[in-house]
């Protein structure tokens, strides 16, 4: 069992050389460096990450429950390796480029003003998720559940409706091109 750290605010801390990860409850991390940090088997419950760098962090069996990431750099993260039980997080103004959410259940997840370039959402359940003003350039949607997913303000996505479950997904008239590109149509 990991040590438990409760109700602490960490500012400008360097977690990159941390050997083992304790569990965190109701903690706030501000301007902390987690680049390539080993966070495997850690649990973050009701925590907030603000302006942190978590790029390429090792999240093997890491648990996130009621966690908020705000203004964070999170490039190349394999979220697919996290502990999926009780998973709940949201992203606000984060850079998640080159990350993978392969086969995760991310129902009701909010991505607010995020960069999600080349992110892998293959076989992910994004039911009721919200992509508010997100850049989804070259993001991969394949056998993805997009039931009631809100793409109204999302940009630069390409989604093949024949390869994804999109029942009642929400789009605006101005971003429908992202659904039609796969058909090679000339839309003017």
N, C-alpha and C. Protein backbone atom coordinates (compact mmCIF):
# COMPACT_ATOMS: atom_id res chain seq x y z
N UNK A 1 0.84 -1.19 0.00
CA UNK A 1 0.00 0.00 0.00
C UNK A 1 0.88 1.25 0.00
N UNK A 2 0.50 2.22 -0.78
CA UNK A 2 1.25 3.47 -0.89
C UNK A 2 0.98 4.39 0.30
N UNK A 3 1.93 5.27 0.58
CA UNK A 3 1.71 6.32 1.57
C UNK A 3 0.59 7.21 1.07
N UNK A 4 -0.14 7.85 1.97
CA UNK A 4 -1.24 8.72 1.59
C UNK A 4 -0.91 10.17 1.97
N UNK A 5 -1.02 11.06 0.99
CA UNK A 5 -0.80 12.48 1.22
C UNK A 5 -2.14 13.19 1.01
N UNK A 6 -2.56 13.95 2.02
CA UNK A 6 -3.88 14.56 1.99
C UNK A 6 -3.78 16.08 2.18
N UNK A 7 -4.60 16.81 1.39
CA UNK A 7 -4.78 18.26 1.56
C UNK A 7 -3.49 19.08 1.49
N UNK A 8 -2.63 18.77 0.54
CA UNK A 8 -1.38 19.51 0.38
C UNK A 8 -1.39 20.21 -0.98
N UNK A 9 -0.85 21.41 -1.00
CA UNK A 9 -0.65 22.13 -2.26
C UNK A 9 0.84 22.13 -2.57
N UNK A 10 1.18 21.60 -3.74
CA UNK A 10 2.58 21.54 -4.19
C UNK A 10 2.78 22.62 -5.24
N UNK A 11 3.81 23.45 -5.07
CA UNK A 11 4.12 24.51 -6.04
C UNK A 11 5.54 24.34 -6.56
N UNK A 12 5.67 24.31 -7.86
CA UNK A 12 6.97 24.23 -8.54
C UNK A 12 7.82 23.07 -8.04
N UNK A 13 7.20 21.96 -7.72
CA UNK A 13 7.92 20.78 -7.26
C UNK A 13 8.39 19.96 -8.47
N UNK A 14 9.50 19.27 -8.31
CA UNK A 14 10.06 18.42 -9.35
C UNK A 14 9.81 16.96 -8.95
N UNK A 15 8.93 16.29 -9.70
CA UNK A 15 8.60 14.89 -9.43
C UNK A 15 9.30 13.95 -10.42
N UNK A 16 10.20 14.47 -11.23
CA UNK A 16 10.79 13.68 -12.31
C UNK A 16 11.69 12.55 -11.82
N UNK A 17 12.25 12.67 -10.64
CA UNK A 17 13.16 11.63 -10.14
C UNK A 17 12.55 10.80 -9.01
N UNK A 18 11.27 10.97 -8.81
CA UNK A 18 10.58 10.25 -7.74
C UNK A 18 10.66 8.75 -7.98
N UNK A 19 11.03 7.98 -6.98
CA UNK A 19 11.21 6.52 -7.10
C UNK A 19 9.89 5.78 -6.98
N UNK A 20 9.09 6.15 -6.00
CA UNK A 20 7.77 5.51 -5.85
C UNK A 20 6.73 6.60 -5.66
N UNK A 21 5.50 6.28 -6.01
CA UNK A 21 4.45 7.28 -5.98
C UNK A 21 3.48 7.02 -4.84
N UNK A 22 3.32 7.97 -3.96
CA UNK A 22 2.30 7.82 -2.92
C UNK A 22 0.91 8.05 -3.53
N UNK A 23 -0.10 7.91 -2.72
CA UNK A 23 -1.47 8.24 -3.12
C UNK A 23 -1.77 9.65 -2.65
N UNK A 24 -2.56 10.37 -3.44
CA UNK A 24 -2.87 11.77 -3.14
C UNK A 24 -4.37 11.95 -3.05
N UNK A 25 -4.82 12.62 -2.01
CA UNK A 25 -6.24 12.90 -1.82
C UNK A 25 -6.40 14.40 -1.58
N UNK A 26 -7.21 15.02 -2.42
CA UNK A 26 -7.52 16.45 -2.28
C UNK A 26 -6.27 17.32 -2.30
N UNK A 27 -5.37 17.03 -3.23
CA UNK A 27 -4.13 17.80 -3.36
C UNK A 27 -4.17 18.66 -4.63
N UNK A 28 -3.38 19.73 -4.60
CA UNK A 28 -3.27 20.63 -5.75
C UNK A 28 -1.81 20.70 -6.15
N UNK A 29 -1.57 20.58 -7.44
CA UNK A 29 -0.21 20.65 -7.99
C UNK A 29 -0.16 21.85 -8.93
N UNK A 30 0.70 22.83 -8.61
CA UNK A 30 0.79 24.06 -9.41
C UNK A 30 2.20 24.19 -9.97
N UNK A 31 2.31 24.31 -11.29
CA UNK A 31 3.60 24.45 -11.97
C UNK A 31 4.60 23.35 -11.59
N UNK A 32 4.11 22.15 -11.45
CA UNK A 32 4.99 21.03 -11.08
C UNK A 32 5.46 20.30 -12.33
N UNK A 33 6.64 19.69 -12.21
CA UNK A 33 7.25 18.98 -13.33
C UNK A 33 7.15 17.48 -13.10
N UNK A 34 6.36 16.82 -13.95
CA UNK A 34 6.20 15.37 -13.91
C UNK A 34 6.72 14.73 -15.20
N UNK A 35 7.53 15.44 -15.98
CA UNK A 35 8.01 14.90 -17.26
C UNK A 35 8.70 13.57 -17.04
N UNK A 36 8.20 12.56 -17.76
CA UNK A 36 8.74 11.20 -17.71
C UNK A 36 8.78 10.63 -16.29
N UNK A 37 8.01 11.20 -15.38
CA UNK A 37 7.99 10.72 -13.98
C UNK A 37 7.32 9.36 -13.89
N UNK A 38 7.76 8.58 -12.94
CA UNK A 38 7.14 7.28 -12.68
C UNK A 38 6.00 7.48 -11.68
N UNK A 39 4.78 7.51 -12.20
CA UNK A 39 3.60 7.66 -11.35
C UNK A 39 2.81 6.36 -11.30
N UNK A 40 3.46 5.27 -11.67
CA UNK A 40 2.75 3.99 -11.72
C UNK A 40 2.22 3.59 -10.35
N UNK A 41 1.02 3.06 -10.37
CA UNK A 41 0.30 2.55 -9.19
C UNK A 41 -0.10 3.64 -8.20
N UNK A 42 0.09 4.90 -8.54
CA UNK A 42 -0.35 5.99 -7.65
C UNK A 42 -1.86 6.20 -7.84
N UNK A 43 -2.48 6.79 -6.83
CA UNK A 43 -3.89 7.14 -6.91
C UNK A 43 -4.03 8.63 -6.66
N UNK A 44 -4.77 9.30 -7.53
CA UNK A 44 -5.06 10.72 -7.36
C UNK A 44 -6.57 10.84 -7.23
N UNK A 45 -7.02 11.23 -6.05
CA UNK A 45 -8.45 11.38 -5.81
C UNK A 45 -8.75 12.85 -5.48
N UNK A 46 -9.69 13.40 -6.22
CA UNK A 46 -10.12 14.79 -5.99
C UNK A 46 -8.93 15.75 -6.00
N UNK A 47 -8.07 15.61 -7.01
CA UNK A 47 -6.87 16.45 -7.13
C UNK A 47 -6.99 17.38 -8.33
N UNK A 48 -6.16 18.42 -8.31
CA UNK A 48 -6.13 19.37 -9.41
C UNK A 48 -4.68 19.63 -9.82
N UNK A 49 -4.44 19.57 -11.12
CA UNK A 49 -3.14 19.87 -11.69
C UNK A 49 -3.28 21.16 -12.48
N UNK A 50 -2.49 22.18 -12.11
CA UNK A 50 -2.57 23.49 -12.77
C UNK A 50 -1.20 23.84 -13.35
N UNK A 51 -1.16 24.06 -14.66
CA UNK A 51 0.08 24.46 -15.36
C UNK A 51 1.24 23.50 -15.09
N UNK A 52 0.94 22.22 -15.06
CA UNK A 52 1.98 21.21 -14.83
C UNK A 52 2.40 20.58 -16.16
N UNK A 53 3.59 20.00 -16.18
CA UNK A 53 4.07 19.27 -17.34
C UNK A 53 4.11 17.79 -16.97
N UNK A 54 3.22 17.00 -17.59
CA UNK A 54 3.16 15.56 -17.35
C UNK A 54 3.56 14.78 -18.60
N UNK A 55 4.21 15.41 -19.53
CA UNK A 55 4.56 14.77 -20.80
C UNK A 55 5.34 13.48 -20.58
N UNK A 56 4.89 12.44 -21.25
CA UNK A 56 5.53 11.13 -21.24
C UNK A 56 5.64 10.51 -19.85
N UNK A 57 4.80 10.92 -18.92
CA UNK A 57 4.80 10.32 -17.58
C UNK A 57 4.36 8.86 -17.67
N UNK A 58 4.92 8.02 -16.80
CA UNK A 58 4.55 6.61 -16.73
C UNK A 58 3.31 6.50 -15.85
N UNK A 59 2.18 6.15 -16.47
CA UNK A 59 0.92 6.06 -15.74
C UNK A 59 0.41 4.63 -15.64
N UNK A 60 1.33 3.69 -15.61
CA UNK A 60 0.95 2.29 -15.53
C UNK A 60 0.17 2.01 -14.24
N UNK A 61 -1.10 1.64 -14.39
CA UNK A 61 -2.01 1.34 -13.28
C UNK A 61 -2.20 2.52 -12.32
N UNK A 62 -2.03 3.73 -12.82
CA UNK A 62 -2.30 4.93 -12.03
C UNK A 62 -3.80 5.18 -12.05
N UNK A 63 -4.36 5.59 -10.91
CA UNK A 63 -5.80 5.84 -10.81
C UNK A 63 -6.07 7.34 -10.70
N UNK A 64 -7.05 7.79 -11.49
CA UNK A 64 -7.50 9.19 -11.45
C UNK A 64 -9.00 9.18 -11.19
N UNK A 65 -9.40 9.75 -10.06
CA UNK A 65 -10.81 9.83 -9.71
C UNK A 65 -11.12 11.26 -9.32
N UNK A 66 -12.01 11.90 -10.10
CA UNK A 66 -12.39 13.29 -9.87
C UNK A 66 -11.18 14.22 -9.92
N UNK A 67 -10.43 14.13 -11.01
CA UNK A 67 -9.21 14.91 -11.19
C UNK A 67 -9.40 15.93 -12.30
N UNK A 68 -8.88 17.13 -12.09
CA UNK A 68 -8.96 18.20 -13.09
C UNK A 68 -7.54 18.56 -13.52
N UNK A 69 -7.33 18.61 -14.82
CA UNK A 69 -6.08 19.08 -15.41
C UNK A 69 -6.37 20.41 -16.08
N UNK A 70 -5.66 21.46 -15.65
CA UNK A 70 -5.91 22.80 -16.20
C UNK A 70 -4.59 23.41 -16.67
N UNK A 71 -4.56 23.86 -17.92
CA UNK A 71 -3.37 24.49 -18.50
C UNK A 71 -2.14 23.58 -18.42
N UNK A 72 -2.33 22.29 -18.60
CA UNK A 72 -1.22 21.33 -18.48
C UNK A 72 -0.71 20.90 -19.84
N UNK A 73 0.58 20.57 -19.86
CA UNK A 73 1.22 19.99 -21.04
C UNK A 73 1.32 18.50 -20.78
N UNK A 74 0.68 17.71 -21.66
CA UNK A 74 0.57 16.28 -21.42
C UNK A 74 0.83 15.52 -22.73
N UNK A 75 1.98 15.72 -23.31
CA UNK A 75 2.29 15.16 -24.62
C UNK A 75 2.73 13.70 -24.52
N UNK A 76 2.24 12.87 -25.45
CA UNK A 76 2.70 11.50 -25.55
C UNK A 76 2.41 10.62 -24.37
N UNK A 77 1.26 10.78 -23.74
CA UNK A 77 0.91 9.96 -22.58
C UNK A 77 0.07 8.77 -23.01
N UNK A 78 0.42 7.59 -22.52
CA UNK A 78 -0.35 6.38 -22.76
C UNK A 78 -1.39 6.20 -21.65
N UNK A 79 -2.48 6.96 -21.78
CA UNK A 79 -3.55 6.85 -20.78
C UNK A 79 -4.14 5.44 -20.77
N UNK A 80 -3.97 4.71 -21.86
CA UNK A 80 -4.53 3.36 -21.96
C UNK A 80 -4.01 2.43 -20.86
N UNK A 81 -2.90 2.78 -20.23
CA UNK A 81 -2.30 1.93 -19.20
C UNK A 81 -2.80 2.25 -17.79
N UNK A 82 -3.63 3.29 -17.64
CA UNK A 82 -4.08 3.68 -16.31
C UNK A 82 -5.09 2.68 -15.75
N UNK A 83 -5.33 2.78 -14.47
CA UNK A 83 -6.35 1.95 -13.82
C UNK A 83 -7.71 2.54 -14.20
N UNK A 84 -8.52 1.75 -14.86
CA UNK A 84 -9.77 2.26 -15.41
C UNK A 84 -10.91 2.30 -14.40
N UNK A 85 -10.76 1.62 -13.29
CA UNK A 85 -11.82 1.57 -12.29
C UNK A 85 -12.05 2.95 -11.67
N UNK A 86 -13.27 3.40 -11.66
CA UNK A 86 -13.67 4.70 -11.09
C UNK A 86 -12.97 5.88 -11.76
N UNK A 87 -12.58 5.72 -13.00
CA UNK A 87 -11.89 6.76 -13.74
C UNK A 87 -12.81 7.96 -14.00
N UNK A 88 -12.36 9.13 -13.59
CA UNK A 88 -13.08 10.36 -13.94
C UNK A 88 -12.11 11.53 -13.87
N UNK A 89 -11.98 12.20 -15.02
CA UNK A 89 -11.15 13.40 -15.06
C UNK A 89 -11.66 14.33 -16.13
N UNK A 90 -11.18 15.57 -16.09
CA UNK A 90 -11.52 16.54 -17.13
C UNK A 90 -10.29 17.36 -17.45
N UNK A 91 -10.31 17.90 -18.67
CA UNK A 91 -9.16 18.63 -19.19
C UNK A 91 -9.60 20.02 -19.63
N UNK A 92 -8.92 21.04 -19.12
CA UNK A 92 -9.25 22.42 -19.46
C UNK A 92 -7.98 23.11 -19.97
N UNK A 93 -8.00 23.50 -21.23
CA UNK A 93 -6.90 24.22 -21.87
C UNK A 93 -5.58 23.44 -21.75
N UNK A 94 -5.63 22.17 -22.10
CA UNK A 94 -4.45 21.30 -22.02
C UNK A 94 -3.96 20.92 -23.41
N UNK A 95 -2.67 20.59 -23.50
CA UNK A 95 -2.07 20.04 -24.73
C UNK A 95 -1.86 18.56 -24.51
N UNK A 96 -2.66 17.75 -25.20
CA UNK A 96 -2.62 16.30 -25.06
C UNK A 96 -2.13 15.63 -26.34
N UNK A 97 -1.45 16.35 -27.20
CA UNK A 97 -1.02 15.83 -28.50
C UNK A 97 -0.23 14.54 -28.35
N UNK A 98 -0.44 13.63 -29.32
CA UNK A 98 0.29 12.36 -29.42
C UNK A 98 0.01 11.40 -28.26
N UNK A 99 -1.07 11.62 -27.53
CA UNK A 99 -1.43 10.73 -26.43
C UNK A 99 -2.40 9.66 -26.91
N UNK A 100 -2.62 8.65 -26.06
CA UNK A 100 -3.52 7.55 -26.43
C UNK A 100 -4.50 7.27 -25.30
N UNK A 101 -5.78 7.19 -25.70
CA UNK A 101 -6.85 6.81 -24.78
C UNK A 101 -7.46 5.48 -25.22
N UNK A 102 -6.68 4.66 -25.90
CA UNK A 102 -7.13 3.41 -26.48
C UNK A 102 -7.92 2.56 -25.49
N UNK A 103 -9.14 2.18 -25.91
CA UNK A 103 -10.03 1.28 -25.18
C UNK A 103 -10.49 1.76 -23.80
N UNK A 104 -10.36 3.03 -23.51
CA UNK A 104 -10.82 3.52 -22.20
C UNK A 104 -12.30 3.90 -22.25
N UNK A 105 -12.92 3.89 -21.10
CA UNK A 105 -14.30 4.35 -20.97
C UNK A 105 -14.24 5.77 -20.41
N UNK A 106 -14.48 6.75 -21.29
CA UNK A 106 -14.39 8.16 -20.93
C UNK A 106 -15.75 8.84 -21.04
N UNK A 107 -16.78 8.17 -20.60
CA UNK A 107 -18.11 8.75 -20.67
C UNK A 107 -18.17 10.03 -19.83
N UNK A 108 -18.88 11.01 -20.35
CA UNK A 108 -19.08 12.30 -19.67
C UNK A 108 -17.80 13.10 -19.44
N UNK A 109 -16.74 12.79 -20.16
CA UNK A 109 -15.48 13.52 -19.99
C UNK A 109 -15.53 14.83 -20.77
N UNK A 110 -15.02 15.89 -20.16
CA UNK A 110 -14.97 17.19 -20.80
C UNK A 110 -13.55 17.52 -21.23
N UNK A 111 -13.42 17.88 -22.50
CA UNK A 111 -12.18 18.40 -23.06
C UNK A 111 -12.50 19.84 -23.46
N UNK A 112 -12.03 20.79 -22.70
CA UNK A 112 -12.36 22.20 -22.93
C UNK A 112 -11.14 22.93 -23.49
N UNK A 113 -11.24 23.42 -24.72
CA UNK A 113 -10.19 24.20 -25.36
C UNK A 113 -8.84 23.48 -25.30
N UNK A 114 -8.84 22.22 -25.72
CA UNK A 114 -7.63 21.40 -25.68
C UNK A 114 -7.08 21.14 -27.08
N UNK A 115 -5.78 20.94 -27.13
CA UNK A 115 -5.13 20.48 -28.34
C UNK A 115 -5.01 18.96 -28.24
N UNK A 116 -5.65 18.26 -29.18
CA UNK A 116 -5.70 16.80 -29.18
C UNK A 116 -5.18 16.27 -30.52
N UNK A 117 -4.11 16.86 -30.99
CA UNK A 117 -3.55 16.49 -32.29
C UNK A 117 -2.95 15.09 -32.23
N UNK A 118 -3.35 14.27 -33.19
CA UNK A 118 -2.85 12.90 -33.34
C UNK A 118 -3.09 12.03 -32.11
N UNK A 119 -4.16 12.31 -31.39
CA UNK A 119 -4.54 11.50 -30.23
C UNK A 119 -5.29 10.26 -30.71
N UNK A 120 -5.05 9.13 -30.08
CA UNK A 120 -5.69 7.88 -30.45
C UNK A 120 -6.89 7.62 -29.54
N UNK A 121 -8.09 7.65 -30.15
CA UNK A 121 -9.33 7.33 -29.43
C UNK A 121 -9.91 5.99 -29.93
N UNK A 122 -9.08 5.13 -30.49
CA UNK A 122 -9.55 3.85 -31.01
C UNK A 122 -10.22 3.03 -29.91
N UNK A 123 -11.43 2.53 -30.21
CA UNK A 123 -12.21 1.67 -29.31
C UNK A 123 -12.50 2.32 -27.95
N UNK A 124 -12.46 3.64 -27.91
CA UNK A 124 -12.74 4.37 -26.67
C UNK A 124 -14.24 4.67 -26.59
N UNK A 125 -14.79 4.62 -25.40
CA UNK A 125 -16.19 5.00 -25.19
C UNK A 125 -16.21 6.46 -24.75
N UNK A 126 -16.61 7.33 -25.67
CA UNK A 126 -16.70 8.77 -25.40
C UNK A 126 -18.16 9.23 -25.33
N UNK A 127 -19.05 8.35 -24.92
CA UNK A 127 -20.46 8.70 -24.80
C UNK A 127 -20.63 9.92 -23.91
N UNK A 128 -21.43 10.86 -24.37
CA UNK A 128 -21.73 12.09 -23.62
C UNK A 128 -20.51 12.95 -23.33
N UNK A 129 -19.41 12.73 -24.03
CA UNK A 129 -18.22 13.57 -23.84
C UNK A 129 -18.43 14.90 -24.55
N UNK A 130 -17.66 15.89 -24.15
CA UNK A 130 -17.73 17.22 -24.75
C UNK A 130 -16.35 17.63 -25.23
N UNK A 131 -16.26 17.99 -26.52
CA UNK A 131 -15.05 18.52 -27.11
C UNK A 131 -15.33 20.00 -27.43
N UNK A 132 -15.15 20.86 -26.45
CA UNK A 132 -15.45 22.29 -26.62
C UNK A 132 -14.22 23.03 -27.15
N UNK A 133 -14.33 23.58 -28.32
CA UNK A 133 -13.26 24.30 -29.03
C UNK A 133 -11.92 23.55 -29.00
N UNK A 134 -11.97 22.28 -29.29
CA UNK A 134 -10.75 21.44 -29.30
C UNK A 134 -10.24 21.27 -30.73
N UNK A 135 -8.93 21.19 -30.86
CA UNK A 135 -8.29 20.90 -32.14
C UNK A 135 -8.00 19.40 -32.19
N UNK A 136 -8.70 18.70 -33.09
CA UNK A 136 -8.58 17.26 -33.21
C UNK A 136 -7.86 16.86 -34.51
N UNK A 137 -6.90 17.66 -34.93
CA UNK A 137 -6.15 17.36 -36.15
C UNK A 137 -5.52 15.98 -36.09
N UNK A 138 -5.83 15.15 -37.07
CA UNK A 138 -5.27 13.80 -37.20
C UNK A 138 -5.56 12.90 -36.01
N UNK A 139 -6.56 13.24 -35.19
CA UNK A 139 -6.96 12.33 -34.11
C UNK A 139 -7.59 11.10 -34.74
N UNK A 140 -7.39 9.96 -34.10
CA UNK A 140 -7.86 8.69 -34.66
C UNK A 140 -9.12 8.22 -33.93
N UNK A 141 -10.19 8.09 -34.70
CA UNK A 141 -11.45 7.55 -34.20
C UNK A 141 -11.74 6.29 -35.01
N UNK A 142 -11.65 5.13 -34.40
CA UNK A 142 -11.89 3.88 -35.10
C UNK A 142 -12.57 2.93 -34.13
N UNK A 143 -13.78 2.51 -34.47
CA UNK A 143 -14.59 1.67 -33.59
C UNK A 143 -14.80 2.36 -32.24
N UNK A 144 -14.97 3.67 -32.30
CA UNK A 144 -15.13 4.51 -31.12
C UNK A 144 -16.62 4.74 -30.86
N UNK A 145 -17.02 4.71 -29.61
CA UNK A 145 -18.41 5.00 -29.25
C UNK A 145 -18.54 6.50 -29.01
N UNK A 146 -19.34 7.14 -29.85
CA UNK A 146 -19.51 8.59 -29.79
C UNK A 146 -20.98 8.95 -29.58
N UNK A 147 -21.69 8.12 -28.84
CA UNK A 147 -23.10 8.34 -28.57
C UNK A 147 -23.30 9.63 -27.78
N UNK A 148 -24.05 10.54 -28.34
CA UNK A 148 -24.35 11.84 -27.72
C UNK A 148 -23.10 12.68 -27.44
N UNK A 149 -22.00 12.40 -28.10
CA UNK A 149 -20.78 13.18 -27.94
C UNK A 149 -20.96 14.52 -28.64
N UNK A 150 -20.51 15.59 -28.00
CA UNK A 150 -20.72 16.94 -28.51
C UNK A 150 -19.46 17.47 -29.20
N UNK A 151 -19.55 17.59 -30.53
CA UNK A 151 -18.46 18.11 -31.35
C UNK A 151 -18.81 19.48 -31.94
N UNK A 152 -19.84 20.15 -31.46
CA UNK A 152 -20.32 21.39 -32.10
C UNK A 152 -19.24 22.43 -32.32
N UNK A 153 -18.31 22.56 -31.41
CA UNK A 153 -17.27 23.60 -31.56
C UNK A 153 -15.89 23.00 -31.82
N UNK A 154 -15.83 21.68 -31.99
CA UNK A 154 -14.55 21.02 -32.28
C UNK A 154 -14.09 21.37 -33.69
N UNK A 155 -12.77 21.29 -33.90
CA UNK A 155 -12.20 21.68 -35.18
C UNK A 155 -11.23 20.61 -35.68
N UNK A 156 -11.10 20.56 -37.00
CA UNK A 156 -10.06 19.77 -37.68
C UNK A 156 -10.17 18.27 -37.47
N UNK A 157 -11.35 17.75 -37.18
CA UNK A 157 -11.49 16.31 -37.00
C UNK A 157 -11.89 15.64 -38.32
N UNK A 158 -11.54 14.38 -38.43
CA UNK A 158 -12.01 13.52 -39.51
C UNK A 158 -12.52 12.25 -38.85
N UNK A 159 -13.82 12.00 -38.99
CA UNK A 159 -14.44 10.84 -38.37
C UNK A 159 -15.24 10.11 -39.44
N UNK A 160 -15.00 8.83 -39.58
CA UNK A 160 -15.74 8.02 -40.54
C UNK A 160 -16.99 7.48 -39.84
N UNK A 161 -18.18 7.97 -40.21
CA UNK A 161 -19.41 7.51 -39.55
C UNK A 161 -19.65 6.00 -39.71
N UNK A 162 -19.10 5.39 -40.75
CA UNK A 162 -19.32 3.96 -40.97
C UNK A 162 -18.43 3.09 -40.07
N UNK A 163 -17.43 3.69 -39.43
CA UNK A 163 -16.50 2.92 -38.58
C UNK A 163 -16.63 3.24 -37.09
N UNK A 164 -17.64 4.04 -36.74
CA UNK A 164 -17.82 4.46 -35.35
C UNK A 164 -19.29 4.44 -34.98
N UNK A 165 -19.59 4.24 -33.70
CA UNK A 165 -20.96 4.30 -33.22
C UNK A 165 -21.25 5.75 -32.85
N UNK A 166 -22.06 6.41 -33.68
CA UNK A 166 -22.25 7.86 -33.53
C UNK A 166 -23.70 8.25 -33.25
N UNK A 167 -24.48 7.36 -32.69
CA UNK A 167 -25.89 7.63 -32.46
C UNK A 167 -26.07 8.90 -31.61
N UNK A 168 -26.80 9.83 -32.18
CA UNK A 168 -27.13 11.11 -31.53
C UNK A 168 -25.91 11.98 -31.21
N UNK A 169 -24.78 11.75 -31.88
CA UNK A 169 -23.63 12.65 -31.71
C UNK A 169 -24.03 14.03 -32.22
N UNK A 170 -23.45 15.06 -31.64
CA UNK A 170 -23.88 16.43 -31.92
C UNK A 170 -22.78 17.17 -32.69
N UNK A 171 -23.18 17.77 -33.83
CA UNK A 171 -22.27 18.54 -34.67
C UNK A 171 -22.95 19.85 -35.05
N UNK A 172 -22.15 20.83 -35.41
CA UNK A 172 -22.72 22.07 -35.94
C UNK A 172 -22.72 21.96 -37.46
N UNK A 173 -23.50 22.79 -38.12
CA UNK A 173 -23.52 22.81 -39.58
C UNK A 173 -22.16 23.17 -40.16
N UNK A 174 -21.40 23.97 -39.42
CA UNK A 174 -20.11 24.44 -39.94
C UNK A 174 -18.99 23.42 -39.83
N UNK A 175 -19.17 22.36 -39.04
CA UNK A 175 -18.08 21.40 -38.93
C UNK A 175 -18.44 20.01 -39.46
N UNK A 176 -19.48 19.93 -40.29
CA UNK A 176 -19.87 18.65 -40.87
C UNK A 176 -18.86 18.11 -41.88
N UNK A 177 -18.02 18.97 -42.40
CA UNK A 177 -17.01 18.53 -43.36
C UNK A 177 -16.14 17.41 -42.79
N UNK A 178 -15.88 17.45 -41.49
CA UNK A 178 -15.06 16.43 -40.85
C UNK A 178 -15.67 15.04 -40.90
N UNK A 179 -16.98 14.95 -41.15
CA UNK A 179 -17.65 13.67 -41.30
C UNK A 179 -17.69 13.20 -42.75
N UNK A 180 -17.53 14.13 -43.67
CA UNK A 180 -17.68 13.82 -45.09
C UNK A 180 -16.36 13.64 -45.83
N UNK A 181 -15.26 14.04 -45.24
CA UNK A 181 -13.95 13.95 -45.90
C UNK A 181 -13.60 12.53 -46.31
N UNK A 182 -13.98 11.56 -45.51
CA UNK A 182 -13.64 10.17 -45.78
C UNK A 182 -14.31 9.64 -47.05
N UNK A 183 -15.34 10.33 -47.51
CA UNK A 183 -16.05 9.90 -48.71
C UNK A 183 -15.49 10.52 -49.99
N UNK A 184 -14.48 11.38 -49.87
CA UNK A 184 -13.84 11.98 -51.05
C UNK A 184 -14.76 12.90 -51.83
N UNK A 185 -15.70 13.53 -51.15
CA UNK A 185 -16.63 14.43 -51.83
C UNK A 185 -15.98 15.80 -52.07
N UNK A 186 -16.42 16.45 -53.12
CA UNK A 186 -15.98 17.81 -53.41
C UNK A 186 -17.07 18.76 -52.92
N UNK A 187 -16.92 19.27 -51.73
CA UNK A 187 -17.92 20.14 -51.13
C UNK A 187 -17.47 21.59 -51.27
N UNK A 188 -18.32 22.38 -51.88
CA UNK A 188 -17.95 23.78 -52.14
C UNK A 188 -18.90 24.74 -51.48
